[in-house]
C-alpha atoms as a PDB file:
ATOM      1  CA  MET A   1       2.547 -10.558  15.336  1.00  0.00           C
ATOM      2  CA  ILE A   2       4.933  -7.671  15.863  1.00  0.00           C
ATOM      3  CA  ILE A   3       7.709  -9.708  14.240  1.00  0.00           C
ATOM      4  CA  LYS A   4       5.571 -10.209  11.138  1.00  0.00           C
ATOM      5  CA  GLU A   5       4.869  -6.481  11.044  1.00  0.00           C
ATOM      6  CA  LYS A   6       8.604  -5.758  11.003  1.00  0.00           C
ATOM      7  CA  LYS A   7       9.083  -8.078   8.035  1.00  0.00           C
ATOM      8  CA  ALA A   8       6.120  -6.464   6.341  1.00  0.00           C
ATOM      9  CA  LEU A   9       7.681  -3.035   6.822  1.00  0.00           C
ATOM     10  CA  GLN A  10      10.695  -4.127   4.801  1.00  0.00           C
ATOM     11  CA  ILE A  11       8.442  -5.420   2.024  1.00  0.00           C
ATOM     12  CA  LYS A  12       6.223  -2.349   2.270  1.00  0.00           C
ATOM     13  CA  SER A  13       9.151   0.054   1.864  1.00  0.00           C
ATOM     14  CA  LYS A  14       8.872  -0.300  -1.906  1.00  0.00           C
ATOM     15  CA  VAL A  15       5.099   0.057  -1.766  1.00  0.00           C
ATOM     16  CA  ILE A  16       5.329   3.133   0.453  1.00  0.00           C
ATOM     17  CA  ILE A  17       6.947   5.002  -2.454  1.00  0.00           C
ATOM     18  CA  LYS A  18       3.936   4.149  -4.612  1.00  0.00           C
ATOM     19  CA  VAL A  19       1.652   5.164  -1.754  1.00  0.00           C
ATOM     20  CA  MET A  20       3.285   8.610  -1.690  1.00  0.00           C
ATOM     21  CA  GLU A  21       2.479   8.932  -5.386  1.00  0.00           C
ATOM     22  CA  SER A  22      -1.095   7.918  -4.599  1.00  0.00           C
ATOM     23  CA  LEU A  23      -1.276  10.835  -2.154  1.00  0.00           C
ATOM     24  CA  GLN A  24      -1.032  13.129  -5.157  1.00  0.00           C
ATOM     25  CA  LEU A  25      -3.621  11.070  -7.062  1.00  0.00           C
ATOM     26  CA  GLY A  26      -6.290  11.055  -4.364  1.00  0.00           C
ATOM     27  CA  SER A  27      -7.156  10.283  -0.751  1.00  0.00           C
ATOM     28  CA  LYS A  28      -9.590   7.482  -1.632  1.00  0.00           C
ATOM     29  CA  VAL A  29      -6.682   5.163  -2.469  1.00  0.00           C
ATOM     30  CA  ILE A  30      -4.880   6.057   0.761  1.00  0.00           C
ATOM     31  CA  ILE A  31      -7.810   4.831   2.856  1.00  0.00           C
ATOM     32  CA  LYS A  32      -7.720   1.474   1.054  1.00  0.00           C
ATOM     33  CA  VAL A  33      -3.956   1.320   1.587  1.00  0.00           C
ATOM     34  CA  LYS A  34      -4.351   1.804   5.348  1.00  0.00           C
ATOM     35  CA  GLU A  35      -6.908  -1.006   5.429  1.00  0.00           C
ATOM     36  CA  ALA A  36      -4.563  -3.149   3.325  1.00  0.00           C
ATOM     37  CA  LEU A  37      -1.765  -2.631   5.853  1.00  0.00           C
ATOM     38  CA  GLN A  38      -3.957  -4.204   8.511  1.00  0.00           C
ATOM     39  CA  LEU A  39      -4.968  -7.094   6.237  1.00  0.00           C
ATOM     40  CA  GLY A  40      -1.465  -8.000   5.026  1.00  0.00           C
ATOM     41  CA  SER A  41       1.192  -7.566   2.342  1.00  0.00           C
ATOM     42  CA  LYS A  42      -0.819  -9.616  -0.175  1.00  0.00           C
ATOM     43  CA  VAL A  43      -3.400  -6.833  -0.338  1.00  0.00           C
ATOM     44  CA  ILE A  44      -0.672  -4.238  -0.780  1.00  0.00           C
ATOM     45  CA  ILE A  45       0.306  -5.873  -4.057  1.00  0.00           C
ATOM     46  CA  LYS A  46      -3.275  -5.434  -5.248  1.00  0.00           C
ATOM     47  CA  VAL A  47      -3.161  -1.813  -4.086  1.00  0.00           C
ATOM     48  CA  SER A  48      -0.065  -1.183  -6.208  1.00  0.00           C
ATOM     49  CA  GLU A  49      -1.956  -2.543  -9.206  1.00  0.00           C
ATOM     50  CA  ALA A  50      -4.903  -0.312  -8.335  1.00  0.00           C
ATOM     51  CA  LEU A  51      -2.560   2.698  -8.345  1.00  0.00           C
ATOM     52  CA  GLN A  52      -1.647   1.927 -11.941  1.00  0.00           C
ATOM     53  CA  LEU A  53      -5.343   1.817 -12.803  1.00  0.00           C
ATOM     54  CA  GLU A  54      -5.918   5.136 -11.013  1.00  0.00           C
ATOM     55  CA  VAL A  55      -3.100   6.748 -13.013  1.00  0.00           C
ATOM     56  CA  LYS A  56      -4.819   5.808 -16.261  1.00  0.00           C
END
């Protein structure tokens, strides 16, 4: 599982930038992001979409 986490880190690098922006938006999104990290990269994509909704 560690190997998969390493691959995920590379994919998440782009998402992490969006997560930093979410820090300015609000902590509620951050909590969901942390949970998403445990679930998998598929959830992270949904989180990035949620960030766009939060911005609006």
